[in-house]
C-alpha atoms as a PDB file:
ATOM      1  CA  MET A   1     106.835  78.466 167.080  1.00  0.00           C
ATOM      2  CA  LYS A   2     108.268  81.314 165.085  1.00  0.00           C
ATOM      3  CA  SER A   3     111.852  80.378 165.835  1.00  0.00           C
ATOM      4  CA  PHE A   4     111.113  76.720 165.023  1.00  0.00           C
ATOM      5  CA  ARG A   5     109.833  77.693 161.600  1.00  0.00           C
ATOM      6  CA  ILE A   6     112.978  79.698 160.961  1.00  0.00           C
ATOM      7  CA  VAL A   7     115.140  76.697 161.891  1.00  0.00           C
ATOM      8  CA  ILE A   8     113.117  74.429 159.599  1.00  0.00           C
ATOM      9  CA  THR A   9     113.478  77.011 156.753  1.00  0.00           C
ATOM     10  CA  VAL A  10     117.256  77.206 157.246  1.00  0.00           C
ATOM     11  CA  LEU A  11     117.529  73.402 157.247  1.00  0.00           C
ATOM     12  CA  ILE A  12     115.529  73.149 154.053  1.00  0.00           C
ATOM     13  CA  ALA A  13     117.793  75.785 152.408  1.00  0.00           C
ATOM     14  CA  MET A  14     120.889  73.836 153.460  1.00  0.00           C
ATOM     15  CA  VAL A  15     119.454  70.637 152.046  1.00  0.00           C
ATOM     16  CA  VAL A  16     118.639  72.338 148.748  1.00  0.00           C
ATOM     17  CA  ALA A  17     122.114  73.820 148.553  1.00  0.00           C
ATOM     18  CA  ALA A  18     123.687  70.475 149.301  1.00  0.00           C
ATOM     19  CA  ALA A  19     121.568  68.835 146.636  1.00  0.00           C
ATOM     20  CA  ALA A  20     122.655  71.436 144.087  1.00  0.00           C
ATOM     21  CA  SER A  21     126.291  70.907 144.952  1.00  0.00           C
ATOM     22  CA  ALA A  22     125.917  67.167 144.677  1.00  0.00           C
ATOM     23  CA  GLN A  23     124.610  67.362 141.124  1.00  0.00           C
ATOM     24  CA  SER A  24     128.167  67.405 139.725  1.00  0.00           C
ATOM     25  CA  ARG A  25     128.817  63.935 141.190  1.00  0.00           C
ATOM     26  CA  GLY A  26     127.711  60.731 139.477  1.00  0.00           C
ATOM     27  CA  ASN A  27     128.872  57.398 138.142  1.00  0.00           C
ATOM     28  CA  ALA A  28     130.456  58.489 134.831  1.00  0.00           C
ATOM     29  CA  ARG A  29     134.136  58.206 134.021  1.00  0.00           C
ATOM     30  CA  VAL A  30     136.062  60.158 131.426  1.00  0.00           C
ATOM     31  CA  GLN A  31     139.441  59.041 130.256  1.00  0.00           C
ATOM     32  CA  GLY A  32     141.824  60.147 127.565  1.00  0.00           C
ATOM     33  CA  LYS A  33     145.335  60.933 126.549  1.00  0.00           C
ATOM     34  CA  VAL A  34     147.445  64.065 126.153  1.00  0.00           C
ATOM     35  CA  VAL A  35     150.239  64.212 123.602  1.00  0.00           C
ATOM     36  CA  ASP A  36     152.517  66.881 122.162  1.00  0.00           C
ATOM     37  CA  GLN A  37     152.521  68.087 118.568  1.00  0.00           C
ATOM     38  CA  GLY A  38     154.835  65.249 117.643  1.00  0.00           C
ATOM     39  CA  GLY A  39     152.463  62.667 119.106  1.00  0.00           C
ATOM     40  CA  GLN A  40     154.589  61.957 122.221  1.00  0.00           C
ATOM     41  CA  PRO A  41     152.760  61.551 125.572  1.00  0.00           C
ATOM     42  CA  ILE A  42     152.987  64.378 128.079  1.00  0.00           C
ATOM     43  CA  GLN A  43     153.252  63.478 131.759  1.00  0.00           C
ATOM     44  CA  ASP A  44     151.996  65.541 134.713  1.00  0.00           C
ATOM     45  CA  VAL A  45     149.446  67.591 132.807  1.00  0.00           C
ATOM     46  CA  GLN A  46     146.921  68.992 135.328  1.00  0.00           C
ATOM     47  CA  VAL A  47     143.378  68.118 134.223  1.00  0.00           C
ATOM     48  CA  LYS A  48     140.549  70.041 135.905  1.00  0.00           C
ATOM     49  CA  ALA A  49     136.860  69.466 135.151  1.00  0.00           C
ATOM     50  CA  GLN A  50     133.954  71.572 136.388  1.00  0.00           C
ATOM     51  CA  MET A  51     130.303  71.056 135.579  1.00  0.00           C
ATOM     52  CA  VAL A  52     128.612  74.111 134.060  1.00  0.00           C
ATOM     53  CA  ASP A  53     126.979  76.259 136.787  1.00  0.00           C
ATOM     54  CA  GLN A  54     128.609  74.213 139.539  1.00  0.00           C
ATOM     55  CA  THR A  55     131.539  75.009 141.779  1.00  0.00           C
ATOM     56  CA  GLU A  56     133.093  71.656 142.519  1.00  0.00           C
ATOM     57  CA  ILE A  57     136.247  70.794 140.586  1.00  0.00           C
ATOM     58  CA  ILE A  58     137.289  67.216 139.819  1.00  0.00           C
ATOM     59  CA  SER A  59     140.959  66.906 138.894  1.00  0.00           C
ATOM     60  CA  ALA A  60     143.542  64.387 137.790  1.00  0.00           C
ATOM     61  CA  LYS A  61     147.069  64.264 136.326  1.00  0.00           C
ATOM     62  CA  THR A  62     148.399  62.440 133.291  1.00  0.00           C
ATOM     63  CA  ASN A  63     150.725  59.510 133.877  1.00  0.00           C
ATOM     64  CA  LYS A  64     153.984  58.775 132.027  1.00  0.00           C
ATOM     65  CA  ASN A  65     151.932  57.542 129.071  1.00  0.00           C
ATOM     66  CA  GLY A  66     149.979  60.814 128.940  1.00  0.00           C
ATOM     67  CA  GLU A  67     146.824  59.080 130.138  1.00  0.00           C
ATOM     68  CA  PHE A  68     144.303  60.494 132.594  1.00  0.00           C
ATOM     69  CA  ARG A  69     141.026  59.502 134.157  1.00  0.00           C
ATOM     70  CA  LEU A  70     138.280  61.557 135.808  1.00  0.00           C
ATOM     71  CA  ASN A  71     135.925  59.545 138.006  1.00  0.00           C
ATOM     72  CA  GLY A  72     132.558  60.183 139.631  1.00  0.00           C
ATOM     73  CA  LEU A  73     131.139  62.635 137.067  1.00  0.00           C
ATOM     74  CA  GLY A  74     127.452  63.457 136.966  1.00  0.00           C
ATOM     75  CA  ASN A  75     125.330  63.831 133.866  1.00  0.00           C
ATOM     76  CA  GLY A  76     125.546  67.245 132.225  1.00  0.00           C
ATOM     77  CA  ARG A  77     127.852  69.601 130.383  1.00  0.00           C
ATOM     78  CA  TRP A  78     131.403  70.002 131.695  1.00  0.00           C
ATOM     79  CA  ASN A  79     134.235  72.444 131.175  1.00  0.00           C
ATOM     80  CA  VAL A  80     137.699  70.924 131.267  1.00  0.00           C
ATOM     81  CA  GLU A  81     141.168  72.504 131.245  1.00  0.00           C
ATOM     82  CA  PHE A  82     144.524  70.912 130.523  1.00  0.00           C
ATOM     83  CA  ALA A  83     147.473  72.859 131.868  1.00  0.00           C
ATOM     84  CA  LYS A  84     151.222  72.447 132.274  1.00  0.00           C
ATOM     85  CA  ASP A  85     154.020  75.005 132.630  1.00  0.00           C
ATOM     86  CA  GLY A  86     155.589  75.869 129.298  1.00  0.00           C
ATOM     87  CA  LEU A  87     152.584  74.709 127.264  1.00  0.00           C
ATOM     88  CA  GLU A  88     149.556  76.540 125.928  1.00  0.00           C
ATOM     89  CA  PRO A  89     146.504  75.621 128.055  1.00  0.00           C
ATOM     90  CA  VAL A  90     143.720  73.708 126.303  1.00  0.00           C
ATOM     91  CA  ARG A  91     140.069  74.311 127.248  1.00  0.00           C
ATOM     92  CA  GLN A  92     137.154  72.263 126.027  1.00  0.00           C
ATOM     93  CA  GLN A  93     133.642  71.168 126.864  1.00  0.00           C
ATOM     94  CA  PHE A  94     132.276  67.643 126.974  1.00  0.00           C
ATOM     95  CA  GLU A  95     128.923  66.044 127.682  1.00  0.00           C
ATOM     96  CA  VAL A  96     128.103  63.283 130.130  1.00  0.00           C
ATOM     97  CA  ALA A  97     124.850  61.500 129.301  1.00  0.00           C
ATOM     98  CA  GLU A  98     123.461  58.305 130.821  1.00  0.00           C
ATOM     99  CA  ASP A  99     126.645  58.042 132.889  1.00  0.00           C
ATOM    100  CA  ARG A 100     128.801  57.918 129.785  1.00  0.00           C
ATOM    101  CA  ALA A 101     131.219  60.276 128.038  1.00  0.00           C
ATOM    102  CA  ALA A 102     133.390  59.971 124.936  1.00  0.00           C
ATOM    103  CA  PRO A 103     137.178  59.554 125.398  1.00  0.00           C
ATOM    104  CA  MET A 104     139.269  62.685 125.011  1.00  0.00           C
ATOM    105  CA  ASN A 105     142.482  62.910 122.977  1.00  0.00           C
ATOM    106  CA  ILE A 106     144.280  66.203 123.515  1.00  0.00           C
ATOM    107  CA  THR A 107     147.255  67.758 121.770  1.00  0.00           C
ATOM    108  CA  MET A 108     149.217  70.474 123.552  1.00  0.00           C
ATOM    109  CA  GLY A 109     151.952  72.730 122.198  1.00  0.00           C
ATOM    110  CA  LYS A 110     154.154  75.615 123.243  1.00  0.00           C
ATOM    111  CA  PRO A 111     152.487  79.033 123.488  1.00  0.00           C
ATOM    112  CA  GLN A 112     152.442  80.979 120.246  1.00  0.00           C
ATOM    113  CA  PRO A 113     154.608  84.114 120.503  1.00  0.00           C
ATOM    114  CA  LYS A 114     152.373  87.150 120.767  1.00  0.00           C
ATOM    115  CA  GLU A 115     153.000  89.866 118.193  1.00  0.00           C
ATOM    116  CA  ASP A 116     154.184  93.108 119.734  1.00  0.00           C
ATOM    117  CA  PRO A 117     151.815  95.752 118.286  1.00  0.00           C
ATOM    118  CA  SER A 118     154.486  98.444 118.765  1.00  0.00           C
ATOM    119  CA  VAL A 119     156.613  96.780 116.091  1.00  0.00           C
ATOM    120  CA  LYS A 120     153.988  97.319 113.421  1.00  0.00           C
ATOM    121  CA  ILE A 121     153.211 100.842 114.707  1.00  0.00           C
ATOM    122  CA  ASN A 122     156.854 101.875 114.628  1.00  0.00           C
ATOM    123  CA  ALA A 123     157.214 100.470 111.107  1.00  0.00           C
ATOM    124  CA  GLU A 124     154.211 102.549 109.979  1.00  0.00           C
ATOM    125  CA  LEU A 125     155.586 105.676 111.647  1.00  0.00           C
ATOM    126  CA  GLN A 126     158.897 105.182 109.873  1.00  0.00           C
ATOM    127  CA  ARG A 127     157.021 104.646 106.582  1.00  0.00           C
ATOM    128  CA  ALA A 128     155.211 107.925 107.155  1.00  0.00           C
ATOM    129  CA  VAL A 129     158.537 109.743 107.723  1.00  0.00           C
ATOM    130  CA  SER A 130     160.119 108.173 104.657  1.00  0.00           C
ATOM    131  CA  THR A 131     157.070 109.054 102.562  1.00  0.00           C
ATOM    132  CA  ALA A 132     157.206 112.651 103.771  1.00  0.00           C
ATOM    133  CA  GLN A 133     160.932 112.861 102.964  1.00  0.00           C
ATOM    134  CA  ALA A 134     160.047 111.748  99.400  1.00  0.00           C
ATOM    135  CA  GLY A 135     157.715 114.773  99.153  1.00  0.00           C
ATOM    136  CA  LYS A 136     154.499 112.731  99.267  1.00  0.00           C
ATOM    137  CA  TYR A 137     152.955 114.793 102.054  1.00  0.00           C
ATOM    138  CA  ALA A 138     149.299 113.825 101.578  1.00  0.00           C
ATOM    139  CA  GLU A 139     150.206 110.117 101.490  1.00  0.00           C
ATOM    140  CA  ALA A 140     152.390 110.493 104.596  1.00  0.00           C
ATOM    141  CA  ARG A 141     149.583 112.327 106.386  1.00  0.00           C
ATOM    142  CA  LYS A 142     147.121 109.568 105.534  1.00  0.00           C
ATOM    143  CA  ILE A 143     149.433 106.947 107.084  1.00  0.00           C
ATOM    144  CA  CYS A 144     149.391 108.821 110.400  1.00  0.00           C
ATOM    145  CA  GLU A 145     145.671 109.565 110.190  1.00  0.00           C
ATOM    146  CA  ASP A 146     144.966 105.830 109.880  1.00  0.00           C
ATOM    147  CA  LEU A 147     147.396 105.055 112.687  1.00  0.00           C
ATOM    148  CA  VAL A 148     145.840 107.467 115.177  1.00  0.00           C
ATOM    149  CA  ALA A 149     142.335 106.358 114.236  1.00  0.00           C
ATOM    150  CA  ALA A 150     143.265 102.777 115.163  1.00  0.00           C
ATOM    151  CA  ASN A 151     145.498 103.780 118.099  1.00  0.00           C
ATOM    152  CA  PRO A 152     144.224 106.980 119.798  1.00  0.00           C
ATOM    153  CA  VAL A 153     147.148 106.902 122.251  1.00  0.00           C
ATOM    154  CA  LEU A 154     149.513 107.906 119.426  1.00  0.00           C
ATOM    155  CA  THR A 155     149.129 111.593 120.264  1.00  0.00           C
ATOM    156  CA  GLN A 156     152.397 112.439 118.463  1.00  0.00           C
ATOM    157  CA  CYS A 157     150.653 111.721 115.148  1.00  0.00           C
ATOM    158  CA  HIS A 158     148.573 114.910 115.417  1.00  0.00           C
ATOM    159  CA  ALA A 159     151.681 117.133 115.261  1.00  0.00           C
ATOM    160  CA  PHE A 160     152.961 115.136 112.283  1.00  0.00           C
ATOM    161  CA  ILE A 161     149.611 115.523 110.512  1.00  0.00           C
ATOM    162  CA  ALA A 162     149.760 119.267 111.131  1.00  0.00           C
ATOM    163  CA  ARG A 163     153.239 119.495 109.640  1.00  0.00           C
ATOM    164  CA  MET A 164     152.101 117.590 106.574  1.00  0.00           C
ATOM    165  CA  TYR A 165     149.243 120.048 106.082  1.00  0.00           C
ATOM    166  CA  ALA A 166     151.786 122.864 106.411  1.00  0.00           C
ATOM    167  CA  ALA A 167     153.945 121.240 103.743  1.00  0.00           C
ATOM    168  CA  GLU A 168     150.827 121.034 101.550  1.00  0.00           C
ATOM    169  CA  ASN A 169     150.311 124.810 102.057  1.00  0.00           C
ATOM    170  CA  ASN A 170     147.062 124.155 103.894  1.00  0.00           C
ATOM    171  CA  ALA A 171     147.537 126.242 107.012  1.00  0.00           C
ATOM    172  CA  ALA A 172     143.851 126.143 108.009  1.00  0.00           C
ATOM    173  CA  GLU A 173     143.770 122.339 108.285  1.00  0.00           C
ATOM    174  CA  GLY A 174     147.210 122.420 109.850  1.00  0.00           C
ATOM    175  CA  VAL A 175     145.897 124.694 112.589  1.00  0.00           C
ATOM    176  CA  LYS A 176     143.079 122.210 113.335  1.00  0.00           C
ATOM    177  CA  ALA A 177     145.531 119.305 113.688  1.00  0.00           C
ATOM    178  CA  ALA A 178     147.962 121.391 115.742  1.00  0.00           C
ATOM    179  CA  ARG A 179     145.178 122.401 118.114  1.00  0.00           C
ATOM    180  CA  VAL A 180     144.449 118.720 118.737  1.00  0.00           C
ATOM    181  CA  ALA A 181     148.188 118.099 119.317  1.00  0.00           C
ATOM    182  CA  VAL A 182     148.287 120.856 121.944  1.00  0.00           C
ATOM    183  CA  GLU A 183     145.093 119.583 123.549  1.00  0.00           C
ATOM    184  CA  LYS A 184     146.480 116.045 123.790  1.00  0.00           C
ATOM    185  CA  GLU A 185     149.925 117.138 125.061  1.00  0.00           C
ATOM    186  CA  PRO A 186     149.474 120.548 126.753  1.00  0.00           C
ATOM    187  CA  ALA A 187     153.007 120.556 128.207  1.00  0.00           C
ATOM    188  CA  ASN A 188     154.660 119.960 124.811  1.00  0.00           C
ATOM    189  CA  VAL A 189     156.396 123.233 123.863  1.00  0.00           C
ATOM    190  CA  ASP A 190     157.136 122.062 120.289  1.00  0.00           C
ATOM    191  CA  ASN A 191     153.418 121.543 119.650  1.00  0.00           C
ATOM    192  CA  LYS A 192     152.660 125.050 120.917  1.00  0.00           C
ATOM    193  CA  LEU A 193     155.342 126.507 118.659  1.00  0.00           C
ATOM    194  CA  LEU A 194     153.908 124.559 115.737  1.00  0.00           C
ATOM    195  CA  LEU A 195     150.428 125.905 116.414  1.00  0.00           C
ATOM    196  CA  ALA A 196     151.741 129.447 116.769  1.00  0.00           C
ATOM    197  CA  ASP A 197     153.620 129.177 113.484  1.00  0.00           C
ATOM    198  CA  LEU A 198     150.602 127.828 111.618  1.00  0.00           C
ATOM    199  CA  LEU A 199     148.306 130.442 113.147  1.00  0.00           C
ATOM    200  CA  MET A 200     150.670 133.143 111.935  1.00  0.00           C
ATOM    201  CA  GLU A 201     150.642 131.623 108.464  1.00  0.00           C
ATOM    202  CA  ALA A 202     146.862 131.419 108.556  1.00  0.00           C
ATOM    203  CA  GLY A 203     146.615 135.131 109.419  1.00  0.00           C
ATOM    204  CA  GLU A 204     145.662 134.644 113.083  1.00  0.00           C
ATOM    205  CA  LYS A 205     148.490 136.895 114.259  1.00  0.00           C
ATOM    206  CA  ALA A 206     147.103 137.955 117.633  1.00  0.00           C
ATOM    207  CA  GLU A 207     146.510 134.382 118.847  1.00  0.00           C
ATOM    208  CA  SER A 208     149.891 133.316 117.531  1.00  0.00           C
ATOM    209  CA  ARG A 209     151.704 136.029 119.481  1.00  0.00           C
ATOM    210  CA  GLN A 210     149.673 135.264 122.555  1.00  0.00           C
ATOM    211  CA  ILE A 211     150.886 131.656 122.454  1.00  0.00           C
ATOM    212  CA  LEU A 212     154.496 132.738 121.885  1.00  0.00           C
ATOM    213  CA  ASP A 213     154.381 135.229 124.735  1.00  0.00           C
ATOM    214  CA  GLY A 214     153.250 132.481 127.111  1.00  0.00           C
ATOM    215  CA  ILE A 215     156.078 130.076 126.292  1.00  0.00           C
ATOM    216  CA  ASP A 216     159.044 129.656 128.623  1.00  0.00           C
ATOM    217  CA  MET A 217     161.933 130.639 126.369  1.00  0.00           C
ATOM    218  CA  THR A 218     164.335 128.289 128.168  1.00  0.00           C
ATOM    219  CA  GLN A 219     162.246 125.359 126.888  1.00  0.00           C
ATOM    220  CA  VAL A 220     162.411 126.453 123.266  1.00  0.00           C
ATOM    221  CA  LYS A 221     164.507 124.370 120.840  1.00  0.00           C
ATOM    222  CA  ASP A 222     163.337 125.948 117.551  1.00  0.00           C
ATOM    223  CA  PRO A 223     163.693 129.714 117.242  1.00  0.00           C
ATOM    224  CA  PHE A 224     162.016 130.064 113.850  1.00  0.00           C
ATOM    225  CA  PRO A 225     158.368 130.468 114.974  1.00  0.00           C
ATOM    226  CA  PHE A 226     159.594 133.516 116.955  1.00  0.00           C
ATOM    227  CA  ILE A 227     161.629 134.726 114.002  1.00  0.00           C
ATOM    228  CA  ASN A 228     158.590 134.368 111.708  1.00  0.00           C
ATOM    229  CA  SER A 229     156.505 136.358 114.178  1.00  0.00           C
ATOM    230  CA  ALA A 230     159.148 139.094 114.225  1.00  0.00           C
ATOM    231  CA  ILE A 231     159.238 139.208 110.435  1.00  0.00           C
ATOM    232  CA  THR A 232     155.471 139.798 110.420  1.00  0.00           C
ATOM    233  CA  GLN A 233     155.882 142.623 112.932  1.00  0.00           C
ATOM    234  CA  ILE A 234     158.629 144.186 110.757  1.00  0.00           C
ATOM    235  CA  ASN A 235     156.367 144.029 107.743  1.00  0.00           C
ATOM    236  CA  GLU A 236     153.649 145.709 109.803  1.00  0.00           C
ATOM    237  CA  GLY A 237     156.057 148.563 110.638  1.00  0.00           C
ATOM    238  CA  LYS A 238     156.425 147.447 114.280  1.00  0.00           C
ATOM    239  CA  GLY A 239     160.213 147.511 114.270  1.00  0.00           C
ATOM    240  CA  ALA A 240     160.646 148.297 117.964  1.00  0.00           C
ATOM    241  CA  GLU A 241     158.378 145.422 119.051  1.00  0.00           C
ATOM    242  CA  ALA A 242     160.129 143.004 116.677  1.00  0.00           C
ATOM    243  CA  ALA A 243     163.557 144.064 117.927  1.00  0.00           C
ATOM    244  CA  ALA A 244     162.522 143.555 121.546  1.00  0.00           C
ATOM    245  CA  ALA A 245     161.184 140.069 120.807  1.00  0.00           C
ATOM    246  CA  LEU A 246     164.362 139.135 118.923  1.00  0.00           C
ATOM    247  CA  THR A 247     166.570 140.408 121.729  1.00  0.00           C
ATOM    248  CA  LYS A 248     164.733 138.081 124.095  1.00  0.00           C
ATOM    249  CA  LEU A 249     165.211 135.230 121.585  1.00  0.00           C
ATOM    250  CA  GLN A 250     168.917 136.054 121.055  1.00  0.00           C
ATOM    251  CA  ALA A 251     169.612 135.421 124.756  1.00  0.00           C
ATOM    252  CA  GLN A 252     168.478 131.833 124.260  1.00  0.00           C
ATOM    253  CA  PHE A 253     170.081 131.375 120.813  1.00  0.00           C
ATOM    254  CA  PRO A 254     173.219 133.559 120.758  1.00  0.00           C
ATOM    255  CA  ASN A 255     174.692 131.743 117.769  1.00  0.00           C
ATOM    256  CA  GLN A 256     171.617 131.821 115.524  1.00  0.00           C
ATOM    257  CA  ALA A 257     172.743 134.058 112.684  1.00  0.00           C
ATOM    258  CA  GLU A 258     169.231 134.796 111.381  1.00  0.00           C
ATOM    259  CA  ILE A 259     168.337 136.543 114.647  1.00  0.00           C
ATOM    260  CA  TYR A 260     170.987 139.217 114.036  1.00  0.00           C
ATOM    261  CA  TYR A 261     169.809 139.726 110.455  1.00  0.00           C
ATOM    262  CA  TYR A 262     166.180 140.214 111.293  1.00  0.00           C
ATOM    263  CA  ARG A 263     166.901 142.281 114.405  1.00  0.00           C
ATOM    264  CA  GLY A 264     169.029 144.502 112.200  1.00  0.00           C
ATOM    265  CA  ARG A 265     166.029 144.829 109.856  1.00  0.00           C
ATOM    266  CA  ALA A 266     163.803 145.552 112.869  1.00  0.00           C
ATOM    267  CA  TYR A 267     166.158 148.292 114.127  1.00  0.00           C
ATOM    268  CA  LEU A 268     166.229 149.737 110.613  1.00  0.00           C
ATOM    269  CA  ALA A 269     162.412 149.865 110.608  1.00  0.00           C
ATOM    270  CA  ALA A 270     162.592 151.578 114.031  1.00  0.00           C
ATOM    271  CA  THR A 271     165.209 154.024 112.561  1.00  0.00           C
ATOM    272  CA  LYS A 272     167.849 152.902 115.041  1.00  0.00           C
ATOM    273  CA  LEU A 273     170.633 152.926 112.502  1.00  0.00           C
ATOM    274  CA  ASP A 274     173.566 152.339 114.799  1.00  0.00           C
ATOM    275  CA  ASP A 275     171.933 149.243 116.311  1.00  0.00           C
ATOM    276  CA  ALA A 276     170.911 148.067 112.820  1.00  0.00           C
ATOM    277  CA  LYS A 277     174.489 148.477 111.567  1.00  0.00           C
ATOM    278  CA  ALA A 278     175.940 146.508 114.511  1.00  0.00           C
ATOM    279  CA  ASP A 279     173.553 143.573 114.005  1.00  0.00           C
ATOM    280  CA  LEU A 280     173.942 143.445 110.257  1.00  0.00           C
ATOM    281  CA  GLU A 281     177.729 143.554 110.458  1.00  0.00           C
ATOM    282  CA  LYS A 282     177.560 140.710 112.978  1.00  0.00           C
ATOM    283  CA  PHE A 283     175.308 138.760 110.652  1.00  0.00           C
ATOM    284  CA  VAL A 284     177.648 139.183 107.682  1.00  0.00           C
ATOM    285  CA  THR A 285     180.429 137.495 109.684  1.00  0.00           C
ATOM    286  CA  MET A 286     178.127 134.654 110.753  1.00  0.00           C
ATOM    287  CA  GLY A 287     175.941 134.008 107.709  1.00  0.00           C
ATOM    288  CA  LYS A 288     176.684 131.936 104.645  1.00  0.00           C
ATOM    289  CA  PRO A 289     178.717 134.165 102.305  1.00  0.00           C
ATOM    290  CA  ASP A 290     176.726 133.250  99.201  1.00  0.00           C
ATOM    291  CA  SER A 291     173.289 133.552 100.801  1.00  0.00           C
ATOM    292  CA  LYS A 292     170.652 136.078  99.703  1.00  0.00           C
ATOM    293  CA  GLU A 293     170.405 137.448 103.237  1.00  0.00           C
ATOM    294  CA  VAL A 294     174.159 138.236 103.423  1.00  0.00           C
ATOM    295  CA  ALA A 295     173.990 140.020 100.084  1.00  0.00           C
ATOM    296  CA  ASP A 296     170.964 141.968 101.302  1.00  0.00           C
ATOM    297  CA  ALA A 297     172.705 142.878 104.582  1.00  0.00           C
ATOM    298  CA  LYS A 298     175.705 144.236 102.687  1.00  0.00           C
ATOM    299  CA  LYS A 299     173.465 146.456 100.567  1.00  0.00           C
ATOM    300  CA  ILE A 300     171.728 147.829 103.632  1.00  0.00           C
ATOM    301  CA  LEU A 301     175.091 148.492 105.305  1.00  0.00           C
ATOM    302  CA  GLU A 302     176.233 150.422 102.195  1.00  0.00           C
ATOM    303  CA  GLN A 303     173.148 152.566 102.403  1.00  0.00           C
ATOM    304  CA  ILE A 304     173.587 153.178 106.161  1.00  0.00           C
ATOM    305  CA  ASN A 305     177.253 154.154 105.668  1.00  0.00           C
ATOM    306  CA  LYS A 306     176.279 156.726 103.030  1.00  0.00           C
ATOM    307  CA  LYS A 307     174.094 158.568 105.502  1.00  0.00           C
END
């Protein structure tokens, strides 16, 4: 008896499911016409109708006059889609009541070109650069702040914001933005150099030097954060340390004239006069003849030669 009841239950479930599926079928007919934006009929448009909450699809195609007909529809609400390659699909709903439905007249057109968001973003980035070049640093920074707020993936904006703060002589805020830049792109050496430079300017010398010491010198493209760090050491009376750091830097940038000038100053602070003289003489041949540094180097050389 138990197995018989199970069979009866299964049969009832199948009948209920079949009845639910059959609800989409009926005696209604929907017809209509599909035309283009110029009013011309479109042939071979695929028309697919599906009653809401049902799975069965009733389909048809338009003829050469753009006309279609869907037969055997049940009463209820239907979703219908009109599709053809090269045209934007059209989706609508219609109602079948008392085995009747209103005719459908559909206009189809070509897909609208989708705007590439990168075009607008690149234009804004260029506007930020142009604004910065005009000396409007706060305005340029705001452009990038708005961009990164709307597009968090634009991690390069954080470094730009930090540079704008630096140009505004706001090292503290620059450090905050540079930290975010390093966090977002931890392998970016330029961002690390930027953070180190701003930390040095903000008075956080120990952290700045720690960052510089951890950078692979072969990846460095801008020597000036290291030069700025060496200048600070020279001013602190740490000539030997500054000279050692600049020697390491000079191996990567042998033609950077400023390195010889500041290493000469570092050797002078460390009372290594012969080394100071060699570097300063080298700098005089490399530097701009009318620069303040060349004039200063010549004065120091005169003093050294008098000793």
